[in-house]
Amino acid sequence: MRNLFNNVFAGNTVLVTGHTGFKGSWLSIWLREMGATVVGYALEPYTTNDIFVVAGLGKIVESNIGDIRDFDKLKGVFNKYDPDIVFHLAAQPLVRLSYQQPKLTYDTNIGGTVNLLECCRACDSVKVIINVTSDKCYENKEWMWGYRENDTLGGYDPYSSSKASSEIITTAYQSSFFNMNKKSLSSVRAGNVIGGGDWREDRLVPDCIKALKKSQPVCIRSPRSVRPWQHVLEPLSGYLLLASRMYDDGNEYSGAWNFGPYHGSIITVEDLAKKLIGYWGSGQYKDLSTQSSIEPHEASLLTLDISKAIHQLNWTPVLSVSEAIEYTVNWYKASNPSYKFCVNQIKDYVDRAVKRRVNR
């Protein structure tokens, strides 16, 4: 896979914050397979079943355990490894938890962004920075159209508003500091990402898998909510493609980017649960929306416009929503979802991209 993305990553040192998390682990594996020296900085993995643990990543990347809020420790990692490319994924990633712990959410997602960018600003080796935020950074107007990169930022809940703030900070740093030197900075916004190895609470697919493994009904709170579902490899391919272009021409490609699915993958929570149960081979779901419990506010309709990535990067999604769910279920049903298993899924994804003439 070393010839992917113009072979930019081979031989370079790439720092991934949040490398013990779901997306960060998959990104670390892909980078390593392309010949990068992967350095990680993150909290301990969430569970012993996480992809980081079962794939044995702690033994094959330069793993540093620490809090993104700890500026001195983070700066020490920059000073030690001198990264060339930085992917910032460390975050408090849950909407519902943000209602319970708003200060933690803001300190992590806003303060953490500042810490990361300050370290990048002071580190001479850094050339490319990708700040991974969220599709929830947009001011949600519950409209049927996909949000574009220049639409208004906002957020009803602490999580969404923290991501909007991270976006504003990113733009300020790009304008104030990184357009004056050889460093380039972009933010990336993805849809609802699914895939193997995610075990966080209050996420639909992990909650479904836990229930199915116990032969219990899959409980869904908002069956009619619409989300842009995509397999984790889809946005990661976009982040990697963008970073490779920024490495060669930062002025042209710095900025905000959406990486979401095609319209056919924008389906309801209920439809996704049904498809997941179908690929699992057994099970049923239970609609909790009719119960009288008071739930915190979450957007019911959210989609992304990916026209910019299609036309300016020549990036397009590869997998249908059914293929994304099938990949996901295959990982969770595997008896040994090892590092090699993950690599094989990445290779299969790349093969499908080649056959479908998708640029990577």
Protein backbone atom coordinates (compact mmCIF):
# COMPACT_ATOMS: atom_id res chain seq x y z
CA MET A 1 0.00 0.00 0.00
CA ARG A 2 3.04 2.27 -0.05
CA ASN A 3 2.20 3.71 -3.45
CA LEU A 4 -1.04 5.25 -2.17
CA PHE A 5 -1.50 9.01 -1.78
CA ASN A 6 1.60 9.83 -3.85
CA ASN A 7 3.72 7.87 -1.37
CA VAL A 8 3.80 10.93 0.89
CA PHE A 9 3.67 9.06 4.20
CA ALA A 10 6.51 6.59 3.66
CA GLY A 11 9.52 7.67 5.68
CA ASN A 12 7.72 10.53 7.42
CA THR A 13 6.95 10.74 11.13
CA VAL A 14 3.21 11.13 11.66
CA LEU A 15 1.72 12.10 15.02
CA VAL A 16 -1.83 10.88 15.68
CA THR A 17 -3.50 12.30 18.79
CA GLY A 18 -6.29 10.02 19.94
CA HIS A 19 -4.47 6.99 18.49
CA THR A 20 -5.99 4.64 21.08
CA GLY A 21 -9.51 5.53 19.95
CA PHE A 22 -11.62 3.96 17.23
CA LYS A 23 -10.75 6.23 14.29
CA GLY A 24 -7.24 6.89 15.55
CA SER A 25 -6.42 3.17 15.67
CA TRP A 26 -7.62 2.53 12.13
CA LEU A 27 -5.66 5.58 10.93
CA SER A 28 -2.51 4.39 12.72
CA ILE A 29 -2.74 0.97 11.08
CA TRP A 30 -3.18 2.45 7.62
CA LEU A 31 -0.30 4.90 8.11
CA ARG A 32 2.01 2.18 9.35
CA GLU A 33 1.19 -0.02 6.34
CA MET A 34 2.18 2.88 4.08
CA GLY A 35 5.60 3.12 5.69
CA ALA A 36 5.09 5.98 8.14
CA THR A 37 6.66 6.11 11.58
CA VAL A 38 3.51 6.46 13.68
CA VAL A 39 3.67 8.34 16.98
CA GLY A 40 0.57 8.37 19.16
CA TYR A 41 -0.59 10.54 22.04
CA ALA A 42 -3.84 9.68 23.82
CA LEU A 43 -5.56 8.40 26.93
CA GLU A 44 -5.58 4.69 27.72
CA PRO A 45 -7.92 2.67 25.45
CA TYR A 46 -11.56 2.71 26.52
CA THR A 47 -11.91 -1.10 26.87
CA THR A 48 -9.72 -4.17 26.50
CA ASN A 49 -11.77 -5.10 23.42
CA ASP A 50 -10.93 -1.90 21.52
CA ILE A 51 -9.18 -2.24 18.19
CA PHE A 52 -6.06 -0.63 19.65
CA VAL A 53 -5.75 -3.50 22.14
CA VAL A 54 -6.78 -6.49 20.03
CA ALA A 55 -4.63 -5.34 17.09
CA GLY A 56 -1.61 -4.96 19.40
CA LEU A 57 -0.94 -1.38 18.33
CA GLY A 58 0.72 -0.49 21.62
CA LYS A 59 3.67 -2.67 20.62
CA ILE A 60 4.13 -1.49 17.04
CA VAL A 61 3.66 2.28 17.17
CA GLU A 62 5.38 4.87 19.35
CA SER A 63 2.54 5.03 21.87
CA ASN A 64 2.51 7.84 24.45
CA ILE A 65 -0.28 7.83 27.03
CA GLY A 66 -1.34 11.30 28.08
CA ASP A 67 -4.17 13.84 28.23
CA ILE A 68 -4.53 16.38 25.42
CA ARG A 69 -5.19 18.96 28.16
CA ASP A 70 -1.64 18.43 29.51
CA PHE A 71 0.27 20.99 27.43
CA ASP A 72 3.73 20.27 28.84
CA LYS A 73 3.47 16.53 28.26
CA LEU A 74 2.11 17.02 24.75
CA LYS A 75 4.90 19.47 23.93
CA GLY A 76 7.41 16.92 25.19
CA VAL A 77 6.14 14.44 22.57
CA PHE A 78 6.64 17.04 19.82
CA ASN A 79 10.14 17.81 21.08
CA LYS A 80 11.06 14.11 21.24
CA TYR A 81 9.77 12.93 17.86
CA ASP A 82 9.73 16.02 15.57
CA PRO A 83 6.65 14.95 13.56
CA ASP A 84 6.27 15.95 9.91
CA ILE A 85 2.49 15.46 9.73
CA VAL A 86 -0.08 15.72 12.53
CA PHE A 87 -3.61 14.29 12.68
CA HIS A 88 -5.53 15.64 15.68
CA LEU A 89 -8.30 13.23 16.75
CA ALA A 90 -8.07 13.40 20.56
CA ALA A 91 -11.44 14.59 21.84
CA GLN A 92 -14.44 14.04 24.08
CA PRO A 93 -16.58 12.55 21.29
CA LEU A 94 -20.06 11.99 22.77
CA VAL A 95 -23.08 14.30 22.69
CA ARG A 96 -24.84 12.76 25.66
CA LEU A 97 -21.71 12.79 27.82
CA SER A 98 -21.26 16.48 27.00
CA TYR A 99 -24.53 17.21 28.79
CA GLN A 100 -23.22 15.39 31.86
CA GLN A 101 -19.71 16.84 31.77
CA PRO A 102 -19.70 20.12 29.83
CA LYS A 103 -16.48 21.44 31.40
CA LEU A 104 -14.58 18.27 30.49
CA THR A 105 -15.96 18.56 26.96
CA TYR A 106 -14.95 22.20 26.50
CA ASP A 107 -11.56 21.78 28.18
CA THR A 108 -10.77 18.79 25.95
CA ASN A 109 -12.23 19.88 22.63
CA ILE A 110 -11.40 23.59 22.80
CA GLY A 111 -8.39 23.72 25.12
CA GLY A 112 -7.00 20.57 23.52
CA THR A 113 -7.19 22.15 20.08
CA VAL A 114 -5.27 25.20 21.30
CA ASN A 115 -2.63 23.01 22.97
CA LEU A 116 -2.18 21.00 19.80
CA LEU A 117 -1.88 24.04 17.52
CA GLU A 118 0.51 25.80 19.88
CA CYS A 119 2.76 22.73 19.83
CA CYS A 120 2.59 22.64 16.03
CA ARG A 121 3.39 26.34 15.84
CA ALA A 122 6.53 25.88 17.93
CA CYS A 123 7.73 22.69 16.21
CA ASP A 124 9.87 23.40 13.13
CA SER A 125 9.45 19.91 11.65
CA VAL A 126 5.65 20.08 11.31
CA LYS A 127 4.50 20.68 7.77
CA VAL A 128 0.87 19.48 7.66
CA ILE A 129 -1.84 19.58 10.37
CA ILE A 130 -5.31 18.01 10.07
CA ASN A 131 -7.80 18.88 12.82
CA VAL A 132 -10.60 16.29 12.89
CA THR A 133 -13.83 17.87 14.15
CA SER A 134 -17.40 16.73 13.38
CA ASP A 135 -20.41 17.20 11.12
CA LYS A 136 -22.15 18.47 14.26
CA CYS A 137 -20.09 21.67 14.12
CA TYR A 138 -22.74 23.23 11.86
CA GLU A 139 -25.66 25.25 13.18
CA ASN A 140 -28.31 22.61 12.64
CA LYS A 141 -31.43 23.96 10.98
CA GLU A 142 -33.03 20.54 10.45
CA TRP A 143 -33.15 21.13 6.71
CA MET A 144 -33.01 18.49 3.98
CA TRP A 145 -29.92 19.90 2.26
CA GLY A 146 -26.39 18.88 3.08
CA TYR A 147 -24.28 21.40 4.98
CA ARG A 148 -21.46 23.00 3.02
CA GLU A 149 -18.09 24.06 4.39
CA ASN A 150 -19.06 27.74 4.34
CA ASP A 151 -22.37 27.29 6.17
CA THR A 152 -22.85 28.78 9.62
CA LEU A 153 -21.15 27.04 12.53
CA GLY A 154 -22.96 26.54 15.82
CA GLY A 155 -24.15 23.98 18.33
CA TYR A 156 -27.15 23.33 20.54
CA ASP A 157 -25.31 21.03 22.96
CA PRO A 158 -21.87 21.33 24.59
CA TYR A 159 -20.32 18.75 22.26
CA SER A 160 -21.51 20.40 19.04
CA SER A 161 -20.62 23.89 20.20
CA SER A 162 -17.17 22.71 21.31
CA LYS A 163 -16.54 21.36 17.81
CA ALA A 164 -17.77 24.60 16.24
CA SER A 165 -15.36 26.45 18.54
CA SER A 166 -12.53 24.15 17.50
CA GLU A 167 -13.29 25.04 13.88
CA ILE A 168 -13.18 28.78 14.61
CA ILE A 169 -9.86 28.36 16.44
CA THR A 170 -8.47 26.40 13.50
CA THR A 171 -9.41 29.17 11.07
CA ALA A 172 -7.85 31.79 13.35
CA TYR A 173 -4.56 29.89 13.59
CA GLN A 174 -4.49 29.34 9.84
CA SER A 175 -5.06 33.04 9.19
CA SER A 176 -2.79 34.35 11.94
CA PHE A 177 0.16 31.96 11.88
CA PHE A 178 0.20 29.14 9.37
CA ASN A 179 -0.27 31.17 6.20
CA MET A 180 3.02 32.95 6.91
CA ASN A 181 5.34 29.95 6.91
CA LYS A 182 5.70 26.43 5.53
CA LYS A 183 3.02 24.89 7.74
CA SER A 184 -0.48 24.18 6.41
CA LEU A 185 -3.64 23.52 8.45
CA SER A 186 -7.06 22.09 7.59
CA SER A 187 -10.16 20.94 9.46
CA VAL A 188 -12.16 17.89 8.40
CA ARG A 189 -15.80 17.04 9.13
CA ALA A 190 -17.14 13.52 8.71
CA GLY A 191 -20.51 11.87 9.11
CA ASN A 192 -21.55 9.15 11.55
CA VAL A 193 -18.67 6.71 11.33
CA ILE A 194 -19.09 2.98 11.86
CA GLY A 195 -16.67 0.05 11.76
CA GLY A 196 -15.05 -2.68 13.79
CA GLY A 197 -13.41 -2.09 17.13
CA ASP A 198 -15.60 0.67 18.54
CA TRP A 199 -17.00 -0.09 22.00
CA ARG A 200 -17.92 3.38 23.31
CA GLU A 201 -21.18 3.87 25.19
CA ASP A 202 -24.10 5.72 23.57
CA ARG A 203 -23.12 4.88 20.01
CA LEU A 204 -25.62 3.01 17.90
CA VAL A 205 -23.48 0.26 16.39
CA PRO A 206 -21.53 -0.67 19.55
CA ASP A 207 -24.80 -0.70 21.52
CA CYS A 208 -26.39 -2.92 18.85
CA ILE A 209 -23.44 -5.33 18.80
CA LYS A 210 -23.42 -5.64 22.59
CA ALA A 211 -27.13 -6.49 22.56
CA LEU A 212 -26.84 -8.97 19.68
CA LYS A 213 -23.93 -10.78 21.33
CA LYS A 214 -26.15 -11.27 24.39
CA SER A 215 -29.21 -12.22 22.27
CA GLN A 216 -31.02 -9.17 23.63
CA PRO A 217 -33.21 -6.70 21.68
CA VAL A 218 -31.40 -3.77 20.12
CA CYS A 219 -32.79 -0.64 21.81
CA ILE A 220 -32.97 2.54 19.73
CA ARG A 221 -33.98 5.92 21.13
CA SER A 222 -34.54 7.94 17.95
CA PRO A 223 -35.52 5.54 15.15
CA ARG A 224 -36.49 8.24 12.67
CA SER A 225 -33.36 10.38 13.07
CA VAL A 226 -31.39 10.64 9.82
CA ARG A 227 -27.60 10.46 9.75
CA PRO A 228 -24.86 10.28 7.08
CA TRP A 229 -23.54 6.79 7.89
CA GLN A 230 -20.13 5.78 6.53
CA HIS A 231 -17.48 3.17 7.23
CA VAL A 232 -14.45 4.50 9.10
CA LEU A 233 -12.14 3.92 6.12
CA GLU A 234 -14.12 6.39 4.01
CA PRO A 235 -13.33 9.60 5.92
CA LEU A 236 -9.84 8.34 6.75
CA SER A 237 -9.13 8.00 3.04
CA GLY A 238 -10.25 11.61 2.67
CA TYR A 239 -8.01 12.80 5.50
CA LEU A 240 -5.04 10.97 4.01
CA LEU A 241 -5.67 12.26 0.50
CA LEU A 242 -6.05 15.81 1.79
CA ALA A 243 -2.85 15.58 3.85
CA SER A 244 -0.93 14.29 0.83
CA ARG A 245 -2.13 17.23 -1.27
CA MET A 246 -1.34 19.70 1.51
CA TYR A 247 2.14 18.24 1.81
CA ASP A 248 2.84 19.27 -1.79
CA ASP A 249 0.70 22.42 -1.92
CA GLY A 250 -0.54 23.67 1.44
CA ASN A 251 -1.77 27.02 0.17
CA GLU A 252 -4.11 25.37 -2.34
CA TYR A 253 -5.65 22.78 -0.05
CA SER A 254 -5.71 24.30 3.45
CA GLY A 255 -9.19 24.99 4.82
CA ALA A 256 -12.36 23.16 5.86
CA TRP A 257 -13.47 19.91 4.18
CA ASN A 258 -16.50 17.61 4.40
CA PHE A 259 -16.06 13.85 3.92
CA GLY A 260 -19.47 12.22 3.98
CA PRO A 261 -21.31 9.46 2.10
CA TYR A 262 -23.43 9.63 -1.01
CA HIS A 263 -27.13 10.34 -0.51
CA GLY A 264 -28.04 6.64 -0.59
CA SER A 265 -26.14 6.06 2.65
CA ILE A 266 -28.10 8.76 4.48
CA ILE A 267 -30.68 6.60 6.22
CA THR A 268 -32.59 6.52 9.50
CA VAL A 269 -31.39 4.96 12.72
CA GLU A 270 -34.13 2.35 12.36
CA ASP A 271 -33.04 1.39 8.85
CA LEU A 272 -29.44 1.02 9.96
CA ALA A 273 -30.46 -1.17 12.90
CA LYS A 274 -32.51 -3.39 10.58
CA LYS A 275 -29.62 -3.78 8.13
CA LEU A 276 -27.17 -4.53 10.93
CA ILE A 277 -29.45 -7.22 12.37
CA GLY A 278 -29.83 -8.67 8.88
CA TYR A 279 -26.07 -9.04 8.40
CA TRP A 280 -25.70 -10.39 11.92
CA GLY A 281 -28.19 -13.12 11.01
CA SER A 282 -30.54 -12.88 13.99
CA GLY A 283 -31.98 -10.44 16.49
CA GLN A 284 -34.66 -7.80 16.83
CA TYR A 285 -34.89 -4.14 17.81
CA LYS A 286 -36.98 -2.26 20.33
CA ASP A 287 -38.22 1.30 19.76
CA LEU A 288 -37.75 3.34 22.94
CA SER A 289 -39.00 6.63 21.46
CA THR A 290 -42.56 6.04 22.73
CA GLN A 291 -41.41 5.82 26.34
CA SER A 292 -41.96 8.88 28.51
CA SER A 293 -38.35 9.41 29.62
CA ILE A 294 -36.82 12.85 29.03
CA GLU A 295 -33.85 12.66 26.69
CA PRO A 296 -31.31 15.42 25.98
CA HIS A 297 -31.73 17.20 22.66
CA GLU A 298 -30.05 15.69 19.59
CA ALA A 299 -30.49 16.74 15.97
CA SER A 300 -32.95 14.59 14.03
CA LEU A 301 -31.73 15.46 10.51
CA LEU A 302 -28.11 16.01 9.53
CA THR A 303 -26.39 15.53 6.16
CA LEU A 304 -23.20 16.77 4.53
CA ASP A 305 -22.52 18.25 1.09
CA ILE A 306 -19.30 16.69 -0.22
CA SER A 307 -19.13 18.60 -3.51
CA LYS A 308 -15.91 20.38 -2.55
CA ALA A 309 -14.04 17.11 -1.87
CA ILE A 310 -15.40 15.57 -5.08
CA HIS A 311 -14.45 18.44 -7.36
CA GLN A 312 -11.27 19.80 -5.76
CA LEU A 313 -9.71 16.59 -4.38
CA ASN A 314 -11.29 14.08 -6.75
CA TRP A 315 -12.31 12.15 -3.63
CA THR A 316 -15.50 10.07 -3.62
CA PRO A 317 -16.96 7.45 -1.27
CA VAL A 318 -16.31 3.82 -2.18
CA LEU A 319 -18.76 1.77 -0.10
CA SER A 320 -22.54 1.67 -0.07
CA VAL A 321 -24.20 1.76 3.34
CA SER A 322 -24.86 -1.99 3.04
CA GLU A 323 -21.19 -2.66 2.34
CA ALA A 324 -20.18 -0.45 5.26
CA ILE A 325 -22.46 -2.41 7.60
CA GLU A 326 -21.20 -5.72 6.21
CA TYR A 327 -17.56 -4.71 6.83
CA THR A 328 -18.52 -3.69 10.37
CA VAL A 329 -20.41 -6.88 11.22
CA ASN A 330 -17.63 -9.05 9.77
CA TRP A 331 -15.14 -7.43 12.16
CA TYR A 332 -17.32 -7.98 15.23
CA LYS A 333 -18.15 -11.57 14.25
CA ALA A 334 -14.50 -12.48 13.57
CA SER A 335 -12.99 -14.90 16.07
CA ASN A 336 -9.68 -13.03 15.94
CA PRO A 337 -9.95 -9.45 14.58
CA SER A 338 -6.16 -9.04 14.73
CA TYR A 339 -3.90 -6.44 13.14
CA LYS A 340 -3.74 -8.62 10.02
CA PHE A 341 -7.54 -8.78 9.86
CA CYS A 342 -7.71 -4.99 9.95
CA VAL A 343 -5.03 -4.69 7.26
CA ASN A 344 -6.97 -7.10 5.06
CA GLN A 345 -10.09 -4.94 5.38
CA ILE A 346 -8.06 -1.89 4.38
CA LYS A 347 -6.61 -3.76 1.39
CA ASP A 348 -10.06 -4.91 0.34
CA TYR A 349 -11.30 -1.32 0.59
CA VAL A 350 -8.40 -0.11 -1.56
CA ASP A 351 -9.05 -2.88 -4.12
CA ARG A 352 -12.69 -1.83 -4.37
CA ALA A 353 -11.61 1.80 -4.83
CA VAL A 354 -9.29 0.78 -7.67
CA LYS A 355 -11.95 -1.32 -9.38
CA ARG A 356 -14.44 1.52 -9.10
CA ARG A 357 -11.81 3.97 -10.36
CA VAL A 358 -11.85 6.06 -7.22
CA ASN A 359 -8.79 8.25 -6.74
CA ARG A 360 -6.59 7.38 -3.76
